[in-house]
N, C-alpha and C. Protein backbone atom coordinates (compact mmCIF):
# COMPACT_ATOMS: atom_id res chain seq x y z
N MET A 1 208.77 106.41 204.21
CA MET A 1 208.39 106.12 202.53
C MET A 1 209.35 106.15 201.50
N SER A 2 210.45 107.14 201.89
CA SER A 2 211.07 107.16 200.71
C SER A 2 212.24 105.64 201.01
N GLU A 3 212.51 104.95 201.95
CA GLU A 3 213.27 103.75 201.61
C GLU A 3 212.29 102.76 201.26
N ASN A 4 210.94 102.75 201.37
CA ASN A 4 209.87 101.58 200.54
C ASN A 4 209.73 102.09 198.83
N ALA A 5 209.93 103.25 198.95
CA ALA A 5 210.06 103.67 197.38
C ALA A 5 211.19 103.28 196.84
N GLY A 6 212.36 103.51 197.63
CA GLY A 6 213.36 103.21 196.97
C GLY A 6 213.84 101.29 196.91
N ALA A 7 213.20 100.94 197.86
CA ALA A 7 212.92 99.26 197.78
C ALA A 7 212.27 98.97 196.60
N GLN A 8 210.88 99.08 196.38
CA GLN A 8 210.11 98.97 195.63
C GLN A 8 210.55 98.32 193.77
N PRO A 9 211.67 99.87 193.75
CA PRO A 9 212.54 99.33 192.57
C PRO A 9 213.44 98.02 192.06
N VAL A 10 213.92 98.04 193.20
CA VAL A 10 214.93 96.91 193.58
C VAL A 10 213.97 95.43 193.69
N ALA A 11 213.13 95.47 194.51
CA ALA A 11 211.98 94.32 194.64
C ALA A 11 211.90 93.93 193.43
N ALA A 12 211.18 94.75 192.58
CA ALA A 12 210.41 94.48 190.97
C ALA A 12 211.72 94.04 190.23
N GLU A 13 213.26 94.55 190.18
CA GLU A 13 214.14 94.08 189.70
C GLU A 13 214.65 92.96 190.00
N ARG A 14 214.86 92.22 191.38
CA ARG A 14 215.23 91.27 191.67
C ARG A 14 214.00 90.20 191.13
N LYS A 15 212.94 90.56 191.43
CA LYS A 15 211.98 89.42 191.02
C LYS A 15 211.67 89.26 189.47
N LYS A 16 211.97 90.73 188.46
CA LYS A 16 212.17 89.96 187.27
C LYS A 16 213.45 89.13 186.84
N LEU A 17 214.45 89.36 187.32
CA LEU A 17 215.47 88.64 186.74
C LEU A 17 215.54 87.43 187.83
N GLY A 18 214.57 86.95 188.91
CA GLY A 18 215.03 85.85 189.38
C GLY A 18 213.45 84.86 187.99
N ILE A 19 212.33 85.52 187.67
CA ILE A 19 211.47 84.84 186.58
C ILE A 19 212.15 84.53 185.47
N ALA A 20 213.58 85.19 185.06
CA ALA A 20 214.09 85.19 183.92
C ALA A 20 215.00 83.84 184.17
N LEU A 21 215.73 83.69 185.30
CA LEU A 21 216.62 83.14 185.65
C LEU A 21 216.19 81.49 185.65
N LYS A 22 214.37 81.35 186.47
CA LYS A 22 213.89 80.35 186.22
C LYS A 22 213.61 79.90 184.78
N ARG A 23 213.31 80.67 183.87
CA ARG A 23 213.26 80.45 182.37
C ARG A 23 214.06 79.60 181.73
N VAL A 24 215.46 80.34 181.89
CA VAL A 24 216.25 79.66 181.63
C VAL A 24 216.73 78.63 182.12
N ALA A 25 216.80 78.58 183.42
CA ALA A 25 216.74 76.92 183.94
C ALA A 25 215.79 75.88 183.14
N ALA A 26 214.70 76.77 183.09
CA ALA A 26 213.91 75.52 182.48
C ALA A 26 214.45 74.87 180.74
N GLN A 27 214.63 76.33 180.58
CA GLN A 27 214.74 75.90 179.05
C GLN A 27 216.06 74.93 179.10
N GLU A 28 217.05 74.83 179.94
CA GLU A 28 218.30 74.04 180.40
C GLU A 28 217.54 72.54 180.47
N ASP A 29 216.69 72.66 181.45
CA ASP A 29 216.09 71.00 181.47
C ASP A 29 215.09 70.71 180.29
N ARG A 30 215.10 71.44 179.48
CA ARG A 30 213.99 71.14 177.88
C ARG A 30 214.92 70.63 177.18
N VAL A 31 215.71 71.53 177.37
CA VAL A 31 217.05 71.44 176.15
C VAL A 31 217.88 69.86 176.45
N THR A 32 218.25 69.35 177.65
CA THR A 32 218.67 68.91 178.37
C THR A 32 218.18 67.37 177.95
N GLU A 33 216.83 67.21 178.25
CA GLU A 33 215.89 66.45 178.45
C GLU A 33 215.57 66.33 176.52
N ALA A 34 215.85 67.04 175.77
CA ALA A 34 215.45 66.41 173.88
C ALA A 34 217.11 66.07 173.92
N TYR A 35 218.09 66.18 174.36
CA TYR A 35 219.25 65.22 174.16
C TYR A 35 219.28 64.05 174.84
N VAL A 36 218.82 64.03 176.05
CA VAL A 36 219.01 62.34 176.53
C VAL A 36 217.88 61.36 175.74
N SER A 37 216.64 62.14 175.62
CA SER A 37 215.71 61.22 174.87
C SER A 37 215.99 61.51 173.42
N GLU A 38 217.20 61.52 172.86
CA GLU A 38 218.01 61.78 171.50
C GLU A 38 217.25 62.27 170.42
N ALA A 39 216.64 63.16 170.72
CA ALA A 39 215.66 64.16 170.00
C ALA A 39 216.52 65.39 169.34
N MET A 40 217.77 65.40 169.70
CA MET A 40 218.98 66.45 169.44
C MET A 40 219.93 65.83 169.49
N ASN A 41 220.89 65.96 168.38
CA ASN A 41 222.57 65.59 168.47
C ASN A 41 223.56 66.34 169.45
N LEU A 42 224.50 66.02 169.66
CA LEU A 42 225.37 66.54 170.26
C LEU A 42 225.63 68.30 170.22
N ASP A 43 226.08 68.05 169.09
CA ASP A 43 226.49 69.49 168.62
C ASP A 43 225.50 70.53 168.89
N ARG A 44 224.01 70.11 168.50
CA ARG A 44 223.41 71.31 168.66
C ARG A 44 223.05 71.39 169.94
N TYR A 45 223.04 70.33 171.04
CA TYR A 45 223.05 70.36 172.45
C TYR A 45 223.59 71.55 173.13
N LYS A 46 225.15 70.93 172.84
CA LYS A 46 226.48 72.04 173.15
C LYS A 46 225.99 73.48 172.60
N GLU A 47 225.51 73.70 171.51
CA GLU A 47 225.47 74.83 170.75
C GLU A 47 224.27 75.47 171.90
N ASP A 48 223.07 74.94 171.94
CA ASP A 48 222.26 75.43 172.74
C ASP A 48 222.40 75.83 174.34
N MET A 49 223.11 74.54 174.91
CA MET A 49 223.53 75.03 176.26
C MET A 49 224.32 75.87 176.12
N ASP A 50 225.21 76.36 175.40
CA ASP A 50 226.65 77.68 175.51
C ASP A 50 225.34 78.51 174.83
N LYS A 51 224.18 78.84 174.08
CA LYS A 51 223.27 80.07 174.15
C LYS A 51 222.75 80.12 175.57
N LEU A 52 222.58 79.30 176.31
CA LEU A 52 221.83 79.76 177.51
C LEU A 52 222.75 79.91 178.50
N THR A 53 223.93 79.16 178.71
CA THR A 53 224.73 79.59 179.85
C THR A 53 225.17 81.05 179.61
N SER A 54 225.36 81.61 178.47
CA SER A 54 225.42 82.98 177.92
C SER A 54 224.38 83.73 178.15
N HIS A 55 223.16 83.57 178.23
CA HIS A 55 221.76 84.23 178.65
C HIS A 55 222.06 84.64 180.33
N ARG A 56 222.65 83.23 180.85
CA ARG A 56 222.47 83.14 182.57
C ARG A 56 223.12 84.08 182.90
N GLN A 57 224.65 83.59 182.43
CA GLN A 57 225.69 85.25 182.65
C GLN A 57 225.35 86.09 182.75
N GLU A 58 224.59 86.70 181.51
CA GLU A 58 223.78 88.10 180.98
C GLU A 58 223.32 88.45 182.59
N LEU A 59 222.26 87.34 182.81
CA LEU A 59 221.35 87.89 183.67
C LEU A 59 222.00 87.82 185.48
N ASP A 60 223.03 86.94 185.39
CA ASP A 60 223.72 87.40 186.78
C ASP A 60 224.15 88.19 187.01
N ARG A 61 225.32 89.30 185.84
CA ARG A 61 225.57 90.23 186.21
C ARG A 61 225.18 91.79 186.70
N PRO A 62 223.59 91.59 186.09
CA PRO A 62 222.86 92.32 186.90
C PRO A 62 222.33 92.45 188.03
N GLN A 63 221.67 90.80 188.35
CA GLN A 63 221.72 90.48 190.10
C GLN A 63 222.35 90.98 190.85
N ARG A 64 223.76 90.52 190.39
CA ARG A 64 224.86 90.94 191.18
C ARG A 64 225.15 92.52 191.23
N GLU A 65 224.72 93.11 190.11
CA GLU A 65 224.84 94.67 190.42
C GLU A 65 223.98 95.01 191.23
N VAL A 66 222.61 94.66 191.29
CA VAL A 66 221.60 94.96 192.38
C VAL A 66 221.80 94.73 193.60
N ASP A 67 222.47 93.37 193.68
CA ASP A 67 222.52 92.80 195.30
C ASP A 67 224.06 94.10 195.97
N GLN A 68 225.38 94.58 194.91
CA GLN A 68 225.83 95.20 195.56
C GLN A 68 225.33 96.26 195.78
N CYS A 69 224.44 96.92 195.10
CA CYS A 69 224.18 98.56 195.61
C CYS A 69 223.09 98.32 196.76
N GLN A 70 222.13 97.38 197.14
CA GLN A 70 221.61 96.93 197.91
C GLN A 70 222.52 96.92 199.11
N ARG A 71 223.45 96.20 198.91
CA ARG A 71 224.48 96.52 200.41
C ARG A 71 225.11 97.53 200.40
N GLN A 72 225.52 98.23 199.86
CA GLN A 72 226.26 99.33 199.70
C GLN A 72 225.17 100.65 200.29
N LYS A 73 224.09 100.55 200.16
CA LYS A 73 222.76 101.36 200.57
C LYS A 73 222.58 101.04 201.97
N GLN A 74 222.77 99.79 202.27
CA GLN A 74 222.83 99.51 203.88
C GLN A 74 223.92 99.80 204.72
N ASP A 75 225.11 99.83 204.07
CA ASP A 75 226.29 99.97 204.61
C ASP A 75 226.30 101.62 205.00
N THR A 76 225.44 102.48 204.04
CA THR A 76 225.65 103.60 204.45
C THR A 76 224.73 104.24 205.39
N GLN A 77 223.57 103.52 204.81
CA GLN A 77 222.35 103.86 206.35
C GLN A 77 223.23 103.30 207.36
N LYS A 78 223.33 102.47 207.69
CA LYS A 78 224.47 102.03 209.25
C LYS A 78 225.26 102.99 209.47
N ALA A 79 226.03 103.25 208.46
CA ALA A 79 227.28 104.23 209.05
C ALA A 79 226.54 105.70 209.42
N LEU A 80 225.70 105.79 208.21
CA LEU A 80 224.77 107.02 208.77
C LEU A 80 224.23 107.49 210.39
N ALA A 81 223.60 105.97 210.55
CA ALA A 81 222.88 105.74 211.79
C ALA A 81 224.25 105.85 212.87
N ARG A 82 225.45 105.49 212.79
CA ARG A 82 226.92 105.64 213.58
C ARG A 82 226.86 106.92 213.80
N LEU A 83 227.00 107.82 212.90
CA LEU A 83 227.76 109.21 212.99
C LEU A 83 226.19 109.50 213.51
N GLU A 84 225.26 109.61 212.95
CA GLU A 84 224.29 110.10 213.89
C GLU A 84 224.43 110.09 215.70
N ARG A 85 224.62 109.06 216.29
CA ARG A 85 224.54 108.79 217.60
C ARG A 85 225.88 109.42 218.00
N PHE A 86 226.62 109.19 217.41
CA PHE A 86 228.03 110.02 217.56
C PHE A 86 228.09 111.30 218.31
N CYS A 87 227.36 111.87 217.15
CA CYS A 87 227.08 113.53 217.47
C CYS A 87 226.31 113.73 218.22
N HIS A 88 225.30 112.79 218.12
CA HIS A 88 224.23 113.01 219.67
C HIS A 88 225.22 113.36 220.71
N GLN A 89 225.73 111.90 221.01
CA GLN A 89 226.85 111.78 222.58
C GLN A 89 227.54 112.46 222.52
N VAL A 90 228.38 113.20 221.12
CA VAL A 90 229.18 114.35 221.68
C VAL A 90 228.45 115.54 221.88
N SER A 91 227.31 115.84 221.11
CA SER A 91 226.95 117.04 221.77
C SER A 91 226.58 116.84 223.24
N LYS A 92 225.42 116.17 223.56
CA LYS A 92 225.49 116.20 224.81
C LYS A 92 226.43 116.86 225.85
N GLY A 93 227.41 116.46 225.88
CA GLY A 93 228.75 116.91 226.72
C GLY A 93 229.51 117.92 226.23
N LEU A 94 229.54 118.39 225.11
CA LEU A 94 230.03 119.27 224.75
C LEU A 94 230.42 120.67 225.08
N THR A 95 229.14 121.09 225.81
CA THR A 95 228.98 122.27 226.49
C THR A 95 229.87 121.94 227.95
N SER A 96 229.84 120.96 228.47
CA SER A 96 230.40 120.75 230.11
C SER A 96 231.79 120.81 229.43
N LEU A 97 232.36 120.57 228.45
CA LEU A 97 234.08 120.30 228.50
C LEU A 97 234.63 121.88 228.77
N THR A 98 235.85 121.52 229.13
CA THR A 98 236.84 122.98 229.58
C THR A 98 237.86 122.87 228.12
N PHE A 99 238.21 124.08 227.53
CA PHE A 99 239.10 124.04 226.87
C PHE A 99 239.90 123.16 226.41
N ASP A 100 240.51 122.87 227.08
CA ASP A 100 241.67 121.70 227.06
C ASP A 100 240.77 120.30 226.50
N GLU A 101 239.75 120.08 227.40
CA GLU A 101 238.79 119.05 226.98
C GLU A 101 238.34 118.83 225.56
N ARG A 102 238.06 119.94 225.13
CA ARG A 102 237.55 120.15 223.76
C ARG A 102 238.73 120.24 222.86
N GLN A 103 240.15 120.58 223.50
CA GLN A 103 240.94 120.46 221.98
C GLN A 103 241.49 119.22 221.93
N GLN A 104 241.34 118.53 222.87
CA GLN A 104 241.40 116.88 222.89
C GLN A 104 240.49 116.30 222.32
N LEU A 105 239.46 116.67 222.50
CA LEU A 105 238.35 116.05 221.65
C LEU A 105 238.56 116.21 219.93
N LEU A 106 238.96 117.54 219.65
CA LEU A 106 239.05 117.74 217.96
C LEU A 106 240.52 117.11 217.66
N ARG A 107 241.45 116.69 218.67
CA ARG A 107 242.61 115.50 218.18
C ARG A 107 242.35 114.74 217.81
N LEU A 108 241.17 113.77 218.68
CA LEU A 108 240.64 112.73 218.30
C LEU A 108 240.01 112.71 216.75
N VAL A 109 239.27 113.70 216.52
CA VAL A 109 238.67 113.69 215.23
C VAL A 109 239.12 113.97 213.99
N ILE A 110 240.38 114.98 213.96
CA ILE A 110 241.19 115.42 213.09
C ILE A 110 242.18 115.03 212.99
N GLU A 111 241.98 114.12 211.86
CA GLU A 111 243.39 113.71 211.74
C GLU A 111 244.88 114.48 210.95
N ARG A 112 244.46 114.94 210.20
CA ARG A 112 245.82 116.68 209.85
C ARG A 112 244.99 117.35 208.94
N ILE A 113 245.45 118.61 209.39
CA ILE A 113 245.02 120.23 208.26
C ILE A 113 245.86 120.43 207.34
N THR A 114 245.10 120.28 206.02
CA THR A 114 246.93 120.91 204.90
C THR A 114 245.96 121.95 204.48
N VAL A 115 247.25 122.94 203.51
CA VAL A 115 246.36 124.13 203.53
C VAL A 115 247.26 124.43 201.95
N GLU A 116 245.94 124.23 200.95
CA GLU A 116 246.74 124.14 199.55
C GLU A 116 246.28 125.36 198.93
N ASN A 117 246.85 126.12 197.73
CA ASN A 117 246.02 127.23 197.28
C ASN A 117 245.18 127.94 198.02
N GLY A 118 244.86 128.31 199.03
CA GLY A 118 243.98 128.48 199.83
C GLY A 118 242.85 127.91 200.01
N VAL A 119 243.10 126.51 200.12
CA VAL A 119 242.23 125.87 200.32
C VAL A 119 242.17 124.95 201.69
N ALA A 120 241.61 125.05 202.58
CA ALA A 120 241.68 123.93 203.64
C ALA A 120 241.46 122.78 203.61
N ARG A 121 242.35 121.72 203.82
CA ARG A 121 241.50 120.51 204.11
C ARG A 121 241.80 119.86 205.20
N ILE A 122 241.03 119.82 205.63
CA ILE A 122 240.29 118.97 207.20
C ILE A 122 240.24 117.64 207.20
N ASP A 123 241.20 116.35 207.03
CA ASP A 123 240.96 115.28 207.28
C ASP A 123 240.50 114.42 208.86
N THR A 124 239.36 114.20 208.75
CA THR A 124 238.79 113.46 210.07
C THR A 124 238.40 112.18 210.13
N VAL A 125 238.42 111.94 211.43
CA VAL A 125 238.35 110.48 211.76
C VAL A 125 237.33 110.51 212.55
N ILE A 126 236.27 109.56 211.65
CA ILE A 126 234.56 109.67 212.97
C ILE A 126 234.78 108.19 213.66
N PRO A 127 234.64 107.98 214.54
CA PRO A 127 234.89 106.82 215.25
C PRO A 127 233.52 105.62 214.22
N PRO A 128 234.12 104.30 213.98
CA PRO A 128 232.88 103.70 213.04
C PRO A 128 231.96 102.82 214.15
N ASP A 129 232.44 103.14 215.36
CA ASP A 129 231.60 102.32 216.15
C ASP A 129 232.04 102.96 217.88
N GLN A 130 231.50 102.50 218.89
CA GLN A 130 231.92 102.96 220.21
C GLN A 130 233.32 102.84 220.72
N ASP A 131 233.48 101.42 220.11
CA ASP A 131 234.69 100.81 220.61
C ASP A 131 236.00 101.37 219.65
N ASN A 132 236.07 102.01 218.75
CA ASN A 132 237.35 102.22 218.11
C ASN A 132 236.89 103.85 217.58
N LEU A 133 238.23 104.39 218.43
CA LEU A 133 238.01 106.00 218.23
C LEU A 133 239.02 106.44 217.02
N ARG A 134 239.60 105.68 216.44
CA ARG A 134 240.23 105.70 215.29
C ARG A 134 239.47 105.09 213.92
N ASN A 135 239.38 105.61 212.96
CA ASN A 135 239.15 105.05 211.57
C ASN A 135 240.40 105.28 210.72
N ARG A 136 240.66 103.86 209.94
CA ARG A 136 241.71 104.17 208.95
C ARG A 136 241.81 104.82 207.95
N TYR A 137 240.50 105.06 207.53
CA TYR A 137 239.97 106.16 206.02
C TYR A 137 239.61 107.37 206.43
N PRO A 138 240.41 108.19 206.99
CA PRO A 138 239.77 109.41 207.52
C PRO A 138 239.01 110.33 206.48
N GLU A 139 237.78 111.01 206.88
CA GLU A 139 236.98 111.59 205.91
C GLU A 139 237.29 113.04 205.60
N PRO A 140 237.72 113.38 204.52
CA PRO A 140 238.55 114.74 203.92
C PRO A 140 236.93 115.64 204.21
N LEU A 141 237.55 117.04 204.76
CA LEU A 141 236.39 118.13 204.51
C LEU A 141 237.25 119.00 203.52
N GLU A 142 236.31 119.86 202.65
CA GLU A 142 237.60 121.01 202.24
C GLU A 142 236.74 122.10 202.27
N GLY A 143 237.41 123.43 202.20
CA GLY A 143 236.92 124.91 202.28
C GLY A 143 237.52 125.53 202.03
N PRO A 144 237.14 126.91 201.85
CA PRO A 144 238.33 127.65 201.80
C PRO A 144 239.30 128.40 203.15
N ALA A 145 240.01 128.73 203.06
CA ALA A 145 241.32 128.92 204.33
C ALA A 145 240.92 130.19 204.70
């Protein structure tokens, strides 16, 4: 239900922007038709088209932002699902590992540990998928040393 609740405002915003963009396109068509039928001079045509182009760009910006936000949300959900699968797979076999195997596992997921001013920072590497055991961008965890 929370996904639907989050998707409804995005869908409503998309619809609103789509309608506004269609209105601008219709206005551009009317202005062009007026110019072609010689009901409007060239200077007025250019002025009106510049205004409509500017308005279209103003509408395109939030559309791109909505699209980017939606992509980021989907990417985050996919990453969380992969992380949950990874944690589940690791937890299933964790109890059967020997001490040396546990150390080896920790070496796979911990990039480095730094302590500064009494705060430990652990940079972890969570596999992005089953085929890759290294991630170029370590995930930092911070806490008191």
